[in-house]
Amino acid sequence: MAVSTPNVSSDAAKYIYDATKATQTTAVANNSDMTMDDFWQLLAAQLKYQDMSNPMSNSEMMSQMTQMGSMSAMTQLSDAIASIATVTNNLSQVTLTGYSTGLLGKEVTIAITEKQKQADGSEKEVIVEEIKGVVTGVDLTGATSVYVNGKKYELSQIMAVGDVPKKEDGDKTDNDKTDTDNKTKGTDTDKNASA
């Protein structure tokens, strides 16, 4: 199929037509991206073809240059944030992989939970069984899982690593101390310091 050139009446019009045609053939596929080179080409074309009786003011030109500079800076910032997000995601994957493979050969306690209805109608996850065993394998495809006693469990189901004594209901841990326990210790220390 032959392509015909439309009748152009003047040299200036033909030049503009040719310039427009050339820019259309070299246009970038993604129309939403505008580089600094594109901006400079547009500015040069605008200055070249401006009406001499009404030229572009310096403030208009500076405004356009400032806007393009701001857009360029925002694009660079957006690219940097995307890179940081990718690096962070990769780092978390490496950390998770290191943690899960570090569990190989370790004794773990797995929690088997189920949702139970409470008196107020809400649901709560309750531990119905605890399984102790040695981690014999790690599955790194998809959600990271471990194999204990030949069965696959999610990494989030591990509630203890190693031999952890079972907490009795009446036992207090260091985090369970009351303020009165702490005040008593502080008072004894103050008495010893003054003596």
N, C-alpha and C. Protein backbone atom coordinates (compact mmCIF):
# COMPACT_ATOMS: atom_id res chain seq x y z
N MET A 1 0.85 -1.18 0.00
CA MET A 1 0.00 0.00 0.00
C MET A 1 0.89 1.23 0.00
N ALA A 2 0.66 2.11 -0.90
CA ALA A 2 1.48 3.31 -1.03
C ALA A 2 0.96 4.39 -0.10
N VAL A 3 1.90 5.13 0.48
CA VAL A 3 1.55 6.22 1.37
C VAL A 3 1.76 7.51 0.61
N SER A 4 0.75 8.34 0.55
CA SER A 4 0.87 9.60 -0.17
C SER A 4 1.10 10.73 0.81
N THR A 5 1.85 11.72 0.37
CA THR A 5 2.11 12.90 1.17
C THR A 5 1.06 13.93 0.81
N PRO A 6 0.41 14.54 1.82
CA PRO A 6 -0.62 15.53 1.49
C PRO A 6 0.02 16.76 0.86
N ASN A 7 -0.77 17.48 0.10
CA ASN A 7 -0.28 18.72 -0.52
C ASN A 7 0.03 19.73 0.55
N VAL A 8 1.26 20.23 0.53
CA VAL A 8 1.68 21.23 1.49
C VAL A 8 1.98 22.48 0.70
N SER A 9 1.41 23.64 1.11
CA SER A 9 1.48 24.85 0.31
C SER A 9 2.74 25.66 0.51
N SER A 10 3.43 25.54 1.65
CA SER A 10 4.62 26.36 1.84
C SER A 10 5.76 25.53 2.39
N ASP A 11 6.98 26.07 2.27
CA ASP A 11 8.15 25.36 2.80
C ASP A 11 8.06 25.21 4.31
N ALA A 12 7.61 26.24 5.00
CA ALA A 12 7.50 26.21 6.47
C ALA A 12 6.52 25.12 6.90
N ALA A 13 5.40 25.03 6.22
CA ALA A 13 4.40 24.02 6.57
C ALA A 13 4.95 22.62 6.29
N LYS A 14 5.69 22.47 5.17
CA LYS A 14 6.28 21.18 4.85
C LYS A 14 7.31 20.79 5.90
N TYR A 15 8.09 21.76 6.37
CA TYR A 15 9.10 21.49 7.40
C TYR A 15 8.43 21.03 8.70
N ILE A 16 7.36 21.71 9.09
CA ILE A 16 6.63 21.32 10.31
C ILE A 16 6.04 19.93 10.14
N TYR A 17 5.47 19.65 8.96
CA TYR A 17 4.91 18.33 8.69
C TYR A 17 6.00 17.27 8.80
N ASP A 18 7.15 17.50 8.17
CA ASP A 18 8.25 16.53 8.22
C ASP A 18 8.76 16.33 9.66
N ALA A 19 8.87 17.42 10.42
CA ALA A 19 9.34 17.33 11.80
C ALA A 19 8.34 16.55 12.66
N THR A 20 7.07 16.81 12.44
CA THR A 20 6.03 16.09 13.19
C THR A 20 6.05 14.61 12.84
N LYS A 21 6.17 14.32 11.56
CA LYS A 21 6.21 12.94 11.09
C LYS A 21 7.43 12.22 11.68
N ALA A 22 8.57 12.88 11.72
CA ALA A 22 9.78 12.28 12.26
C ALA A 22 9.63 11.98 13.75
N THR A 23 9.03 12.89 14.50
CA THR A 23 8.85 12.66 15.93
C THR A 23 7.83 11.56 16.19
N GLN A 24 6.86 11.40 15.31
CA GLN A 24 5.87 10.35 15.48
C GLN A 24 6.47 8.98 15.25
N THR A 25 7.40 8.86 14.33
CA THR A 25 8.00 7.56 14.06
C THR A 25 9.00 7.16 15.13
N THR A 26 9.57 8.15 15.83
CA THR A 26 10.54 7.83 16.88
C THR A 26 9.93 7.95 18.27
N ALA A 27 8.59 8.02 18.33
CA ALA A 27 7.94 8.18 19.63
C ALA A 27 8.15 6.93 20.49
N VAL A 28 8.21 7.17 21.79
CA VAL A 28 8.37 6.08 22.75
C VAL A 28 7.04 5.35 22.88
N ALA A 29 7.09 4.03 23.05
CA ALA A 29 5.87 3.25 23.14
C ALA A 29 5.03 3.63 24.36
N ASN A 30 5.68 3.93 25.48
CA ASN A 30 4.96 4.29 26.69
C ASN A 30 4.77 5.81 26.71
N ASN A 31 3.56 6.26 26.45
CA ASN A 31 3.29 7.69 26.35
C ASN A 31 3.30 8.39 27.71
N SER A 32 3.25 7.65 28.79
CA SER A 32 3.20 8.28 30.11
C SER A 32 4.58 8.70 30.60
N ASP A 33 5.64 8.20 29.99
CA ASP A 33 7.00 8.55 30.40
C ASP A 33 7.52 9.69 29.54
N MET A 34 7.97 10.74 30.19
CA MET A 34 8.58 11.86 29.48
C MET A 34 9.94 12.10 30.10
N THR A 35 10.97 12.01 29.29
CA THR A 35 12.32 12.19 29.81
C THR A 35 12.73 13.65 29.68
N MET A 36 13.86 13.96 30.28
CA MET A 36 14.38 15.32 30.18
C MET A 36 14.72 15.64 28.72
N ASP A 37 15.19 14.66 27.96
CA ASP A 37 15.49 14.88 26.54
C ASP A 37 14.22 15.29 25.78
N ASP A 38 13.10 14.60 26.09
CA ASP A 38 11.82 14.95 25.45
C ASP A 38 11.45 16.39 25.79
N PHE A 39 11.65 16.77 27.05
CA PHE A 39 11.32 18.14 27.47
C PHE A 39 12.17 19.16 26.72
N TRP A 40 13.47 18.89 26.62
CA TRP A 40 14.36 19.84 25.94
C TRP A 40 14.00 19.95 24.47
N GLN A 41 13.61 18.84 23.84
CA GLN A 41 13.19 18.88 22.44
C GLN A 41 11.91 19.70 22.28
N LEU A 42 10.98 19.52 23.20
CA LEU A 42 9.75 20.31 23.13
C LEU A 42 10.02 21.79 23.34
N LEU A 43 10.88 22.11 24.32
CA LEU A 43 11.20 23.50 24.59
C LEU A 43 11.90 24.14 23.39
N ALA A 44 12.83 23.40 22.78
CA ALA A 44 13.54 23.92 21.61
C ALA A 44 12.56 24.16 20.45
N ALA A 45 11.63 23.21 20.25
CA ALA A 45 10.63 23.37 19.19
C ALA A 45 9.72 24.55 19.49
N GLN A 46 9.36 24.71 20.76
CA GLN A 46 8.49 25.83 21.13
C GLN A 46 9.18 27.17 20.89
N LEU A 47 10.47 27.25 21.23
CA LEU A 47 11.21 28.49 21.00
C LEU A 47 11.42 28.73 19.50
N LYS A 48 11.66 27.65 18.76
CA LYS A 48 11.93 27.76 17.34
C LYS A 48 10.71 28.25 16.57
N TYR A 49 9.53 27.76 16.95
CA TYR A 49 8.33 28.07 16.20
C TYR A 49 7.44 29.12 16.87
N GLN A 50 7.98 29.83 17.83
CA GLN A 50 7.17 30.83 18.50
C GLN A 50 6.90 32.03 17.59
N ASP A 51 5.85 32.70 17.89
CA ASP A 51 5.47 33.90 17.14
C ASP A 51 6.41 35.03 17.56
N MET A 52 7.12 35.59 16.60
CA MET A 52 8.10 36.63 16.92
C MET A 52 7.45 37.90 17.46
N SER A 53 6.20 38.14 17.08
CA SER A 53 5.53 39.33 17.57
C SER A 53 5.03 39.15 19.01
N ASN A 54 4.97 37.89 19.47
CA ASN A 54 4.52 37.58 20.82
C ASN A 54 5.38 36.45 21.38
N PRO A 55 6.65 36.72 21.70
CA PRO A 55 7.54 35.64 22.15
C PRO A 55 7.19 35.15 23.55
N MET A 56 7.69 33.95 23.86
CA MET A 56 7.49 33.36 25.18
C MET A 56 8.21 34.21 26.22
N SER A 57 7.55 34.43 27.34
CA SER A 57 8.19 35.23 28.39
C SER A 57 9.18 34.37 29.17
N ASN A 58 10.16 35.02 29.78
CA ASN A 58 11.15 34.30 30.58
C ASN A 58 10.49 33.56 31.74
N SER A 59 9.47 34.17 32.34
CA SER A 59 8.81 33.52 33.47
C SER A 59 8.10 32.24 33.04
N GLU A 60 7.49 32.23 31.86
CA GLU A 60 6.86 31.02 31.36
C GLU A 60 7.89 29.91 31.15
N MET A 61 9.02 30.28 30.56
CA MET A 61 10.08 29.30 30.30
C MET A 61 10.62 28.74 31.63
N MET A 62 10.87 29.62 32.58
CA MET A 62 11.38 29.17 33.88
C MET A 62 10.36 28.30 34.60
N SER A 63 9.09 28.65 34.46
CA SER A 63 8.03 27.85 35.08
C SER A 63 8.02 26.44 34.50
N GLN A 64 8.13 26.33 33.17
CA GLN A 64 8.16 25.02 32.53
C GLN A 64 9.39 24.23 32.95
N MET A 65 10.54 24.89 33.02
CA MET A 65 11.77 24.20 33.41
C MET A 65 11.68 23.72 34.85
N THR A 66 11.09 24.52 35.72
CA THR A 66 10.93 24.13 37.12
C THR A 66 9.98 22.95 37.25
N GLN A 67 8.88 22.99 36.52
CA GLN A 67 7.93 21.89 36.56
C GLN A 67 8.57 20.59 36.07
N MET A 68 9.34 20.67 35.00
CA MET A 68 9.99 19.48 34.48
C MET A 68 11.04 18.96 35.45
N GLY A 69 11.77 19.87 36.08
CA GLY A 69 12.75 19.46 37.09
C GLY A 69 12.08 18.75 38.25
N SER A 70 10.94 19.28 38.68
CA SER A 70 10.18 18.65 39.77
C SER A 70 9.68 17.27 39.37
N MET A 71 9.16 17.17 38.16
CA MET A 71 8.69 15.87 37.67
C MET A 71 9.82 14.86 37.60
N SER A 72 10.98 15.31 37.13
CA SER A 72 12.13 14.43 37.03
C SER A 72 12.56 13.95 38.42
N ALA A 73 12.57 14.86 39.39
CA ALA A 73 12.95 14.49 40.75
C ALA A 73 11.95 13.51 41.35
N MET A 74 10.66 13.73 41.11
CA MET A 74 9.64 12.80 41.63
C MET A 74 9.77 11.43 40.97
N THR A 75 10.07 11.39 39.70
CA THR A 75 10.25 10.11 39.01
C THR A 75 11.44 9.36 39.59
N GLN A 76 12.54 10.07 39.81
CA GLN A 76 13.73 9.44 40.40
C GLN A 76 13.43 8.94 41.81
N LEU A 77 12.69 9.71 42.59
CA LEU A 77 12.32 9.30 43.94
C LEU A 77 11.43 8.07 43.91
N SER A 78 10.48 8.05 42.99
CA SER A 78 9.59 6.90 42.84
C SER A 78 10.38 5.65 42.47
N ASP A 79 11.33 5.79 41.56
CA ASP A 79 12.17 4.66 41.17
C ASP A 79 13.00 4.17 42.35
N ALA A 80 13.53 5.11 43.15
CA ALA A 80 14.34 4.74 44.31
C ALA A 80 13.50 4.00 45.35
N ILE A 81 12.26 4.45 45.57
CA ILE A 81 11.38 3.78 46.53
C ILE A 81 11.03 2.38 46.04
N ALA A 82 10.80 2.23 44.75
CA ALA A 82 10.51 0.91 44.19
C ALA A 82 11.71 -0.02 44.38
N SER A 83 12.92 0.52 44.21
CA SER A 83 14.12 -0.28 44.41
C SER A 83 14.27 -0.69 45.87
N ILE A 84 13.97 0.23 46.78
CA ILE A 84 14.07 -0.08 48.21
C ILE A 84 13.05 -1.16 48.57
N ALA A 85 11.85 -1.06 48.04
CA ALA A 85 10.83 -2.07 48.32
C ALA A 85 11.28 -3.45 47.84
N THR A 86 11.89 -3.50 46.67
CA THR A 86 12.38 -4.78 46.14
C THR A 86 13.49 -5.33 47.02
N VAL A 87 14.42 -4.47 47.41
CA VAL A 87 15.53 -4.90 48.26
C VAL A 87 15.01 -5.39 49.61
N THR A 88 14.06 -4.67 50.19
CA THR A 88 13.48 -5.06 51.48
C THR A 88 12.79 -6.41 51.38
N ASN A 89 12.04 -6.61 50.32
CA ASN A 89 11.36 -7.89 50.11
C ASN A 89 12.38 -9.02 49.98
N ASN A 90 13.43 -8.79 49.19
CA ASN A 90 14.46 -9.81 49.03
C ASN A 90 15.16 -10.11 50.34
N LEU A 91 15.43 -9.06 51.13
CA LEU A 91 16.10 -9.24 52.41
C LEU A 91 15.22 -10.04 53.37
N SER A 92 13.93 -9.77 53.39
CA SER A 92 13.04 -10.52 54.28
C SER A 92 12.97 -11.99 53.84
N GLN A 93 13.01 -12.24 52.54
CA GLN A 93 13.01 -13.62 52.06
C GLN A 93 14.29 -14.36 52.48
N VAL A 94 15.42 -13.66 52.38
CA VAL A 94 16.69 -14.26 52.79
C VAL A 94 16.68 -14.54 54.29
N THR A 95 16.17 -13.60 55.09
CA THR A 95 16.10 -13.78 56.54
C THR A 95 15.20 -14.96 56.89
N LEU A 96 14.03 -15.04 56.26
CA LEU A 96 13.10 -16.13 56.51
C LEU A 96 13.71 -17.47 56.11
N THR A 97 14.41 -17.50 54.99
CA THR A 97 15.06 -18.73 54.54
C THR A 97 16.15 -19.14 55.53
N GLY A 98 16.95 -18.17 55.97
CA GLY A 98 18.01 -18.48 56.96
C GLY A 98 17.44 -18.98 58.26
N TYR A 99 16.36 -18.37 58.73
CA TYR A 99 15.73 -18.80 59.97
C TYR A 99 15.19 -20.20 59.85
N SER A 100 14.44 -20.46 58.77
CA SER A 100 13.80 -21.77 58.63
C SER A 100 14.82 -22.89 58.42
N THR A 101 15.86 -22.63 57.65
CA THR A 101 16.87 -23.68 57.48
C THR A 101 17.70 -23.87 58.75
N GLY A 102 17.79 -22.85 59.58
CA GLY A 102 18.47 -22.97 60.87
C GLY A 102 17.72 -23.86 61.84
N LEU A 103 16.46 -24.13 61.57
CA LEU A 103 15.66 -25.01 62.43
C LEU A 103 15.91 -26.49 62.16
N LEU A 104 16.56 -26.80 61.05
CA LEU A 104 16.81 -28.21 60.72
C LEU A 104 17.57 -28.89 61.86
N GLY A 105 17.05 -30.03 62.30
CA GLY A 105 17.69 -30.80 63.36
C GLY A 105 17.36 -30.30 64.76
N LYS A 106 16.59 -29.23 64.88
CA LYS A 106 16.22 -28.70 66.20
C LYS A 106 14.87 -29.26 66.62
N GLU A 107 14.73 -29.40 67.95
CA GLU A 107 13.45 -29.83 68.49
C GLU A 107 12.54 -28.61 68.58
N VAL A 108 11.32 -28.75 68.09
CA VAL A 108 10.36 -27.66 68.12
C VAL A 108 9.04 -28.14 68.69
N THR A 109 8.25 -27.19 69.14
CA THR A 109 6.89 -27.48 69.59
C THR A 109 5.93 -26.80 68.63
N ILE A 110 5.06 -27.59 68.05
CA ILE A 110 4.09 -27.11 67.07
C ILE A 110 2.74 -26.98 67.75
N ALA A 111 2.05 -25.88 67.49
CA ALA A 111 0.71 -25.66 68.04
C ALA A 111 -0.34 -25.98 66.98
N ILE A 112 -1.25 -26.86 67.34
CA ILE A 112 -2.40 -27.14 66.49
C ILE A 112 -3.56 -26.35 67.09
N THR A 113 -4.10 -25.44 66.29
CA THR A 113 -5.14 -24.55 66.80
C THR A 113 -6.44 -24.75 66.05
N GLU A 114 -7.50 -24.29 66.69
CA GLU A 114 -8.80 -24.24 66.02
C GLU A 114 -9.56 -23.04 66.57
N LYS A 115 -10.51 -22.56 65.78
CA LYS A 115 -11.32 -21.43 66.22
C LYS A 115 -12.46 -21.95 67.08
N GLN A 116 -12.65 -21.29 68.23
CA GLN A 116 -13.75 -21.65 69.10
C GLN A 116 -14.57 -20.40 69.40
N LYS A 117 -15.88 -20.59 69.46
CA LYS A 117 -16.77 -19.47 69.78
C LYS A 117 -16.68 -19.16 71.26
N GLN A 118 -16.62 -17.87 71.55
CA GLN A 118 -16.58 -17.39 72.92
C GLN A 118 -18.00 -17.07 73.39
N ALA A 119 -18.15 -16.79 74.67
CA ALA A 119 -19.47 -16.48 75.23
C ALA A 119 -20.07 -15.23 74.61
N ASP A 120 -19.21 -14.28 74.23
CA ASP A 120 -19.71 -13.04 73.63
C ASP A 120 -19.99 -13.17 72.13
N GLY A 121 -19.81 -14.36 71.56
CA GLY A 121 -20.09 -14.58 70.14
C GLY A 121 -18.88 -14.45 69.23
N SER A 122 -17.77 -13.92 69.75
CA SER A 122 -16.57 -13.78 68.93
C SER A 122 -15.83 -15.12 68.85
N GLU A 123 -14.92 -15.21 67.89
CA GLU A 123 -14.12 -16.42 67.73
C GLU A 123 -12.70 -16.16 68.18
N LYS A 124 -12.09 -17.19 68.77
CA LYS A 124 -10.73 -17.08 69.28
C LYS A 124 -9.97 -18.34 68.91
N GLU A 125 -8.71 -18.15 68.49
CA GLU A 125 -7.84 -19.30 68.19
C GLU A 125 -7.41 -19.92 69.51
N VAL A 126 -7.64 -21.21 69.67
CA VAL A 126 -7.29 -21.92 70.89
C VAL A 126 -6.39 -23.10 70.53
N ILE A 127 -5.33 -23.27 71.32
CA ILE A 127 -4.42 -24.41 71.09
C ILE A 127 -5.12 -25.66 71.59
N VAL A 128 -5.31 -26.63 70.69
CA VAL A 128 -5.96 -27.88 71.06
C VAL A 128 -4.96 -29.02 71.23
N GLU A 129 -3.76 -28.84 70.64
CA GLU A 129 -2.74 -29.89 70.75
C GLU A 129 -1.36 -29.29 70.54
N GLU A 130 -0.40 -29.79 71.29
CA GLU A 130 1.00 -29.40 71.10
C GLU A 130 1.77 -30.63 70.67
N ILE A 131 2.52 -30.49 69.58
CA ILE A 131 3.30 -31.61 69.05
C ILE A 131 4.77 -31.26 69.16
N LYS A 132 5.55 -32.14 69.81
CA LYS A 132 7.00 -31.94 69.89
C LYS A 132 7.66 -32.88 68.90
N GLY A 133 8.71 -32.38 68.26
CA GLY A 133 9.44 -33.22 67.32
C GLY A 133 10.63 -32.47 66.77
N VAL A 134 11.43 -33.17 65.98
CA VAL A 134 12.63 -32.60 65.38
C VAL A 134 12.30 -32.20 63.94
N VAL A 135 12.76 -31.02 63.55
CA VAL A 135 12.56 -30.54 62.18
C VAL A 135 13.45 -31.36 61.25
N THR A 136 12.83 -32.07 60.32
CA THR A 136 13.59 -32.93 59.41
C THR A 136 13.68 -32.35 58.00
N GLY A 137 12.88 -31.34 57.71
CA GLY A 137 12.92 -30.74 56.38
C GLY A 137 12.27 -29.37 56.37
N VAL A 138 12.61 -28.59 55.33
CA VAL A 138 12.06 -27.25 55.16
C VAL A 138 11.60 -27.11 53.72
N ASP A 139 10.37 -26.62 53.53
CA ASP A 139 9.83 -26.38 52.19
C ASP A 139 9.85 -24.87 51.94
N LEU A 140 10.66 -24.43 50.99
CA LEU A 140 10.82 -23.00 50.72
C LEU A 140 9.96 -22.51 49.56
N THR A 141 9.15 -23.40 48.98
CA THR A 141 8.28 -22.99 47.88
C THR A 141 6.97 -22.45 48.44
N GLY A 142 6.57 -21.31 47.99
CA GLY A 142 5.34 -20.70 48.51
C GLY A 142 5.55 -20.24 49.94
N ALA A 143 4.57 -20.51 50.80
CA ALA A 143 4.71 -20.17 52.22
C ALA A 143 5.71 -21.14 52.84
N THR A 144 6.67 -20.63 53.59
CA THR A 144 7.71 -21.48 54.17
C THR A 144 7.09 -22.42 55.19
N SER A 145 7.40 -23.70 55.07
CA SER A 145 6.88 -24.73 55.95
C SER A 145 8.02 -25.61 56.44
N VAL A 146 7.77 -26.29 57.56
CA VAL A 146 8.74 -27.24 58.10
C VAL A 146 8.08 -28.61 58.21
N TYR A 147 8.91 -29.65 58.20
CA TYR A 147 8.42 -31.00 58.37
C TYR A 147 8.86 -31.51 59.74
N VAL A 148 7.88 -31.92 60.55
CA VAL A 148 8.13 -32.46 61.87
C VAL A 148 7.36 -33.78 61.96
N ASN A 149 8.06 -34.85 62.33
CA ASN A 149 7.45 -36.18 62.43
C ASN A 149 6.75 -36.58 61.13
N GLY A 150 7.34 -36.17 60.00
CA GLY A 150 6.81 -36.55 58.69
C GLY A 150 5.64 -35.72 58.21
N LYS A 151 5.18 -34.74 58.99
CA LYS A 151 4.04 -33.92 58.58
C LYS A 151 4.49 -32.48 58.33
N LYS A 152 3.79 -31.81 57.42
CA LYS A 152 4.12 -30.44 57.04
C LYS A 152 3.34 -29.45 57.91
N TYR A 153 4.05 -28.47 58.48
CA TYR A 153 3.44 -27.42 59.30
C TYR A 153 3.93 -26.06 58.83
N GLU A 154 3.05 -25.06 58.96
CA GLU A 154 3.44 -23.69 58.63
C GLU A 154 4.44 -23.19 59.66
N LEU A 155 5.33 -22.33 59.23
CA LEU A 155 6.33 -21.76 60.13
C LEU A 155 5.67 -21.00 61.28
N SER A 156 4.51 -20.42 61.02
CA SER A 156 3.81 -19.66 62.05
C SER A 156 3.24 -20.54 63.16
N GLN A 157 3.20 -21.85 62.95
CA GLN A 157 2.68 -22.76 63.97
C GLN A 157 3.73 -23.13 65.02
N ILE A 158 4.98 -22.79 64.78
CA ILE A 158 6.04 -23.11 65.75
C ILE A 158 5.88 -22.17 66.94
N MET A 159 5.71 -22.76 68.12
CA MET A 159 5.53 -21.93 69.31
C MET A 159 6.75 -21.98 70.23
N ALA A 160 7.66 -22.93 70.02
CA ALA A 160 8.87 -23.01 70.85
C ALA A 160 9.94 -23.78 70.09
N VAL A 161 11.19 -23.41 70.33
CA VAL A 161 12.33 -24.11 69.75
C VAL A 161 13.17 -24.61 70.91
N GLY A 162 13.51 -25.90 70.89
CA GLY A 162 14.28 -26.48 71.99
C GLY A 162 13.34 -27.00 73.07
N ASP A 163 13.94 -27.38 74.22
CA ASP A 163 13.17 -27.93 75.33
C ASP A 163 12.78 -26.80 76.26
N VAL A 164 11.56 -26.31 76.13
CA VAL A 164 11.06 -25.21 76.94
C VAL A 164 10.13 -25.80 77.99
N PRO A 165 10.39 -25.53 79.29
CA PRO A 165 9.49 -26.08 80.32
C PRO A 165 8.08 -25.51 80.17
N LYS A 166 7.12 -26.35 80.45
CA LYS A 166 5.72 -25.94 80.33
C LYS A 166 5.38 -24.99 81.47
N LYS A 167 4.70 -23.90 81.16
CA LYS A 167 4.33 -22.88 82.14
C LYS A 167 3.09 -23.35 82.90
N GLU A 168 3.18 -23.36 84.20
CA GLU A 168 2.03 -23.68 85.05
C GLU A 168 1.19 -22.43 85.21
N ASP A 169 -0.08 -22.57 85.52
CA ASP A 169 -0.96 -21.41 85.66
C ASP A 169 -0.51 -20.49 86.79
N GLY A 170 0.01 -21.02 87.90
CA GLY A 170 0.40 -20.20 89.04
C GLY A 170 1.80 -19.63 88.91
N ASP A 171 2.61 -20.11 87.96
CA ASP A 171 3.98 -19.62 87.80
C ASP A 171 3.99 -18.21 87.26
N LYS A 172 4.95 -17.41 87.75
CA LYS A 172 5.15 -16.05 87.24
C LYS A 172 6.46 -16.02 86.50
N THR A 173 6.45 -15.37 85.35
CA THR A 173 7.70 -15.15 84.63
C THR A 173 8.20 -13.77 84.99
N ASP A 174 9.36 -13.39 84.52
CA ASP A 174 9.90 -12.06 84.81
C ASP A 174 8.98 -10.96 84.31
N ASN A 175 8.25 -11.22 83.23
CA ASN A 175 7.35 -10.20 82.68
C ASN A 175 6.06 -10.07 83.48
N ASP A 176 5.74 -11.09 84.33
CA ASP A 176 4.48 -11.09 85.08
C ASP A 176 4.59 -10.42 86.44
N LYS A 177 5.76 -9.92 86.83
CA LYS A 177 5.92 -9.31 88.15
C LYS A 177 5.02 -8.09 88.27
N THR A 178 4.52 -7.89 89.48
CA THR A 178 3.64 -6.74 89.70
C THR A 178 4.47 -5.54 90.10
N ASP A 179 3.84 -4.40 90.12
CA ASP A 179 4.52 -3.18 90.53
C ASP A 179 4.92 -3.25 92.00
N THR A 180 4.14 -3.94 92.82
CA THR A 180 4.49 -4.02 94.25
C THR A 180 5.78 -4.82 94.43
N ASP A 181 6.00 -5.85 93.59
CA ASP A 181 7.26 -6.61 93.67
C ASP A 181 8.43 -5.69 93.35
N ASN A 182 8.27 -4.87 92.33
CA ASN A 182 9.35 -3.97 91.93
C ASN A 182 9.59 -2.90 92.99
N LYS A 183 8.51 -2.38 93.60
CA LYS A 183 8.66 -1.35 94.63
C LYS A 183 9.35 -1.91 95.86
N THR A 184 9.04 -3.15 96.22
CA THR A 184 9.66 -3.75 97.39
C THR A 184 11.15 -3.87 97.19
N LYS A 185 11.55 -4.31 95.99
CA LYS A 185 12.98 -4.42 95.71
C LYS A 185 13.63 -3.05 95.76
N GLY A 186 12.99 -2.05 95.22
CA GLY A 186 13.54 -0.70 95.24
C GLY A 186 13.66 -0.17 96.68
N THR A 187 12.70 -0.50 97.54
CA THR A 187 12.72 -0.06 98.92
C THR A 187 13.87 -0.71 99.67
N ASP A 188 14.07 -2.03 99.45
CA ASP A 188 15.17 -2.73 100.11
C ASP A 188 16.51 -2.14 99.69
N THR A 189 16.64 -1.79 98.44
CA THR A 189 17.88 -1.21 97.94
C THR A 189 18.11 0.15 98.58
N ASP A 190 17.03 0.94 98.74
CA ASP A 190 17.16 2.26 99.34
C ASP A 190 17.58 2.14 100.79
N LYS A 191 17.04 1.13 101.54
CA LYS A 191 17.40 0.95 102.95
C LYS A 191 18.87 0.58 103.07
N ASN A 192 19.36 -0.30 102.16
CA ASN A 192 20.75 -0.73 102.21
C ASN A 192 21.69 0.43 101.87
N ALA A 193 21.26 1.30 100.99
CA ALA A 193 22.10 2.41 100.58
C ALA A 193 22.24 3.42 101.70
N SER A 194 21.17 3.63 102.51
CA SER A 194 21.22 4.62 103.58
C SER A 194 21.95 4.10 104.80
N ALA A 195 22.09 2.78 104.96
CA ALA A 195 22.73 2.20 106.15
C ALA A 195 24.22 2.31 106.12
